[in-house]
Amino acid sequence: MRGEVLHDAFDAELLRALLKLAEEGRGEYDDDLTQRLAAEGIARAMGAGHVESMGPTEGATRAEWSQGLLRAAHDRLREAAPQL
């Protein structure tokens, strides 16, 4: 269900929370798993199918894939800002 809420209806606060987890982890514990799951949730929120949201396509690194997702999510927040 990660990202499904944002896939069906935009919620800026939820997207910001996922971005924070994907970029920073969970504070003092800097949890790679939490960051990976947050990135996968962002992928679903940005419209990726289940398989596509699980990681990079062949030829891309997880870091490149994650950075592209984070840029797209930040862009989505900027686009929505005037509407909020």
N, C-alpha and C. Protein backbone atom coordinates (compact mmCIF):
# COMPACT_ATOMS: atom_id res chain seq x y z
N MET A 1 0.80 -1.20 0.00
CA MET A 1 0.00 0.00 0.00
C MET A 1 0.84 1.27 0.00
N ARG A 2 2.18 1.14 0.08
CA ARG A 2 3.00 2.34 0.10
C ARG A 2 2.74 3.17 -1.15
N GLY A 3 2.37 4.42 -0.95
CA GLY A 3 2.20 5.33 -2.07
C GLY A 3 0.82 5.30 -2.70
N GLU A 4 -0.01 4.31 -2.38
CA GLU A 4 -1.32 4.19 -3.02
C GLU A 4 -2.19 5.42 -2.73
N VAL A 5 -2.15 5.93 -1.51
CA VAL A 5 -2.96 7.10 -1.16
C VAL A 5 -2.60 8.27 -2.06
N LEU A 6 -1.31 8.48 -2.27
CA LEU A 6 -0.86 9.60 -3.10
C LEU A 6 -1.09 9.33 -4.58
N HIS A 7 -1.14 8.07 -4.97
CA HIS A 7 -1.40 7.72 -6.37
C HIS A 7 -2.83 8.10 -6.73
N ASP A 8 -3.76 7.89 -5.79
CA ASP A 8 -5.18 8.12 -6.05
C ASP A 8 -5.62 9.54 -5.73
N ALA A 9 -4.97 10.21 -4.79
CA ALA A 9 -5.33 11.58 -4.41
C ALA A 9 -4.10 12.27 -3.82
N PHE A 10 -3.83 13.48 -4.25
CA PHE A 10 -2.63 14.18 -3.81
C PHE A 10 -2.76 14.65 -2.37
N ASP A 11 -1.72 14.44 -1.58
CA ASP A 11 -1.64 14.89 -0.20
C ASP A 11 -0.22 15.41 0.01
N ALA A 12 -0.07 16.72 0.01
CA ALA A 12 1.26 17.34 0.09
C ALA A 12 1.99 16.95 1.37
N GLU A 13 1.30 16.91 2.50
CA GLU A 13 1.97 16.58 3.75
C GLU A 13 2.49 15.15 3.76
N LEU A 14 1.71 14.23 3.22
CA LEU A 14 2.16 12.85 3.15
C LEU A 14 3.35 12.70 2.21
N LEU A 15 3.30 13.39 1.07
CA LEU A 15 4.44 13.34 0.15
C LEU A 15 5.68 13.94 0.79
N ARG A 16 5.53 15.04 1.52
CA ARG A 16 6.68 15.63 2.23
C ARG A 16 7.26 14.65 3.26
N ALA A 17 6.38 13.94 3.97
CA ALA A 17 6.85 12.97 4.97
C ALA A 17 7.63 11.84 4.29
N LEU A 18 7.14 11.34 3.16
CA LEU A 18 7.86 10.29 2.43
C LEU A 18 9.21 10.82 1.93
N LEU A 19 9.22 12.06 1.43
CA LEU A 19 10.47 12.65 0.96
C LEU A 19 11.48 12.76 2.09
N LYS A 20 11.01 13.19 3.25
CA LYS A 20 11.92 13.32 4.40
C LYS A 20 12.52 11.96 4.77
N LEU A 21 11.69 10.93 4.80
CA LEU A 21 12.20 9.59 5.11
C LEU A 21 13.17 9.11 4.04
N ALA A 22 12.85 9.35 2.78
CA ALA A 22 13.71 8.90 1.69
C ALA A 22 15.04 9.64 1.68
N GLU A 23 15.02 10.90 2.05
CA GLU A 23 16.24 11.70 2.00
C GLU A 23 17.07 11.61 3.27
N GLU A 24 16.40 11.48 4.42
CA GLU A 24 17.12 11.58 5.69
C GLU A 24 17.07 10.32 6.54
N GLY A 25 16.22 9.38 6.20
CA GLY A 25 16.06 8.21 7.07
C GLY A 25 15.26 8.58 8.30
N ARG A 26 15.46 7.84 9.36
CA ARG A 26 14.70 8.09 10.60
C ARG A 26 15.62 8.67 11.65
N GLY A 27 16.04 9.89 11.46
CA GLY A 27 16.84 10.56 12.46
C GLY A 27 18.11 9.84 12.81
N GLU A 28 18.30 9.56 14.08
CA GLU A 28 19.56 8.99 14.57
C GLU A 28 19.82 7.58 14.06
N TYR A 29 18.80 6.90 13.56
CA TYR A 29 18.98 5.53 13.12
C TYR A 29 19.31 5.40 11.63
N ASP A 30 19.24 6.45 10.86
CA ASP A 30 19.59 6.47 9.44
C ASP A 30 19.38 5.10 8.80
N ASP A 31 18.16 4.70 8.72
CA ASP A 31 17.75 3.35 8.33
C ASP A 31 17.64 3.23 6.81
N ASP A 32 18.54 2.46 6.19
CA ASP A 32 18.51 2.27 4.74
C ASP A 32 17.21 1.63 4.27
N LEU A 33 16.67 0.71 5.05
CA LEU A 33 15.42 0.05 4.68
C LEU A 33 14.28 1.07 4.65
N THR A 34 14.21 1.93 5.65
CA THR A 34 13.17 2.96 5.68
C THR A 34 13.30 3.86 4.46
N GLN A 35 14.53 4.25 4.12
CA GLN A 35 14.75 5.11 2.96
C GLN A 35 14.33 4.40 1.68
N ARG A 36 14.65 3.13 1.55
CA ARG A 36 14.28 2.38 0.35
C ARG A 36 12.77 2.25 0.23
N LEU A 37 12.10 1.91 1.33
CA LEU A 37 10.64 1.78 1.30
C LEU A 37 9.96 3.11 1.01
N ALA A 38 10.50 4.20 1.54
CA ALA A 38 9.93 5.51 1.25
C ALA A 38 10.08 5.84 -0.23
N ALA A 39 11.24 5.54 -0.82
CA ALA A 39 11.45 5.77 -2.25
C ALA A 39 10.49 4.94 -3.08
N GLU A 40 10.26 3.69 -2.68
CA GLU A 40 9.31 2.85 -3.40
C GLU A 40 7.89 3.41 -3.29
N GLY A 41 7.55 3.94 -2.13
CA GLY A 41 6.24 4.57 -1.95
C GLY A 41 6.09 5.79 -2.84
N ILE A 42 7.15 6.56 -2.96
CA ILE A 42 7.13 7.73 -3.83
C ILE A 42 6.95 7.29 -5.28
N ALA A 43 7.61 6.21 -5.67
CA ALA A 43 7.45 5.70 -7.04
C ALA A 43 5.99 5.37 -7.32
N ARG A 44 5.32 4.69 -6.38
CA ARG A 44 3.89 4.39 -6.56
C ARG A 44 3.08 5.67 -6.62
N ALA A 45 3.40 6.61 -5.77
CA ALA A 45 2.67 7.88 -5.76
C ALA A 45 2.82 8.63 -7.07
N MET A 46 3.97 8.47 -7.71
CA MET A 46 4.23 9.18 -8.96
C MET A 46 3.70 8.41 -10.17
N GLY A 47 3.01 7.30 -9.94
CA GLY A 47 2.34 6.60 -11.02
C GLY A 47 2.99 5.32 -11.49
N ALA A 48 4.08 4.91 -10.88
CA ALA A 48 4.73 3.66 -11.30
C ALA A 48 3.87 2.47 -10.90
N GLY A 49 3.88 1.45 -11.72
CA GLY A 49 3.20 0.21 -11.40
C GLY A 49 3.93 -0.51 -10.28
N HIS A 50 3.33 -1.59 -9.80
CA HIS A 50 3.92 -2.32 -8.67
C HIS A 50 5.35 -2.77 -8.97
N VAL A 51 5.57 -3.41 -10.10
CA VAL A 51 6.90 -3.91 -10.43
C VAL A 51 7.88 -2.75 -10.60
N GLU A 52 7.48 -1.72 -11.31
CA GLU A 52 8.37 -0.56 -11.55
C GLU A 52 8.70 0.19 -10.27
N SER A 53 7.83 0.09 -9.26
CA SER A 53 8.08 0.82 -8.02
C SER A 53 9.04 0.11 -7.09
N MET A 54 9.45 -1.10 -7.44
CA MET A 54 10.31 -1.89 -6.56
C MET A 54 11.80 -1.61 -6.75
N GLY A 55 12.16 -0.86 -7.77
CA GLY A 55 13.57 -0.56 -7.95
C GLY A 55 13.87 -0.15 -9.37
N PRO A 56 15.13 0.09 -9.63
CA PRO A 56 15.54 0.61 -10.94
C PRO A 56 15.37 -0.41 -12.06
N THR A 57 15.21 0.13 -13.26
CA THR A 57 15.19 -0.72 -14.44
C THR A 57 16.61 -1.14 -14.76
N GLU A 58 16.75 -2.11 -15.61
CA GLU A 58 18.08 -2.59 -15.98
C GLU A 58 18.90 -1.44 -16.56
N GLY A 59 20.12 -1.34 -16.12
CA GLY A 59 21.01 -0.31 -16.61
C GLY A 59 21.08 0.92 -15.72
N ALA A 60 20.20 1.02 -14.74
CA ALA A 60 20.21 2.16 -13.81
C ALA A 60 20.60 1.65 -12.42
N THR A 61 21.27 2.48 -11.68
CA THR A 61 21.59 2.12 -10.29
C THR A 61 20.43 2.53 -9.39
N ARG A 62 20.38 1.94 -8.21
CA ARG A 62 19.33 2.33 -7.24
C ARG A 62 19.47 3.80 -6.88
N ALA A 63 20.69 4.30 -6.77
CA ALA A 63 20.90 5.71 -6.44
C ALA A 63 20.35 6.62 -7.53
N GLU A 64 20.62 6.30 -8.79
CA GLU A 64 20.09 7.11 -9.90
C GLU A 64 18.56 7.07 -9.92
N TRP A 65 18.01 5.87 -9.73
CA TRP A 65 16.56 5.69 -9.71
C TRP A 65 15.94 6.52 -8.59
N SER A 66 16.51 6.42 -7.39
CA SER A 66 16.00 7.15 -6.23
C SER A 66 16.08 8.65 -6.44
N GLN A 67 17.21 9.13 -6.95
CA GLN A 67 17.36 10.57 -7.16
C GLN A 67 16.34 11.10 -8.17
N GLY A 68 16.08 10.34 -9.22
CA GLY A 68 15.06 10.74 -10.19
C GLY A 68 13.69 10.82 -9.56
N LEU A 69 13.37 9.87 -8.70
CA LEU A 69 12.08 9.89 -8.00
C LEU A 69 11.96 11.09 -7.08
N LEU A 70 13.03 11.36 -6.35
CA LEU A 70 12.99 12.49 -5.42
C LEU A 70 12.83 13.81 -6.17
N ARG A 71 13.52 13.95 -7.30
CA ARG A 71 13.35 15.16 -8.12
C ARG A 71 11.91 15.29 -8.60
N ALA A 72 11.34 14.18 -9.07
CA ALA A 72 9.96 14.21 -9.56
C ALA A 72 8.98 14.57 -8.44
N ALA A 73 9.21 14.04 -7.25
CA ALA A 73 8.33 14.35 -6.12
C ALA A 73 8.45 15.81 -5.72
N HIS A 74 9.68 16.34 -5.69
CA HIS A 74 9.85 17.76 -5.38
C HIS A 74 9.17 18.63 -6.44
N ASP A 75 9.29 18.24 -7.70
CA ASP A 75 8.61 18.97 -8.78
C ASP A 75 7.10 18.95 -8.57
N ARG A 76 6.58 17.79 -8.18
CA ARG A 76 5.13 17.66 -7.95
C ARG A 76 4.68 18.59 -6.83
N LEU A 77 5.47 18.69 -5.77
CA LEU A 77 5.14 19.61 -4.68
C LEU A 77 5.16 21.06 -5.14
N ARG A 78 6.15 21.41 -5.95
CA ARG A 78 6.23 22.79 -6.47
C ARG A 78 5.03 23.11 -7.36
N GLU A 79 4.64 22.15 -8.21
CA GLU A 79 3.48 22.35 -9.08
C GLU A 79 2.20 22.54 -8.29
N ALA A 80 2.08 21.82 -7.19
CA ALA A 80 0.86 21.86 -6.39
C ALA A 80 0.81 23.07 -5.46
N ALA A 81 1.95 23.67 -5.17
CA ALA A 81 2.02 24.75 -4.20
C ALA A 81 1.02 25.88 -4.46
N PRO A 82 0.89 26.38 -5.68
CA PRO A 82 -0.09 27.46 -5.91
C PRO A 82 -1.53 27.02 -5.68
N GLN A 83 -1.79 25.72 -5.80
CA GLN A 83 -3.14 25.20 -5.65
C GLN A 83 -3.50 24.93 -4.20
N LEU A 84 -2.49 24.85 -3.32
CA LEU A 84 -2.75 24.50 -1.92
C LEU A 84 -3.14 25.70 -1.11
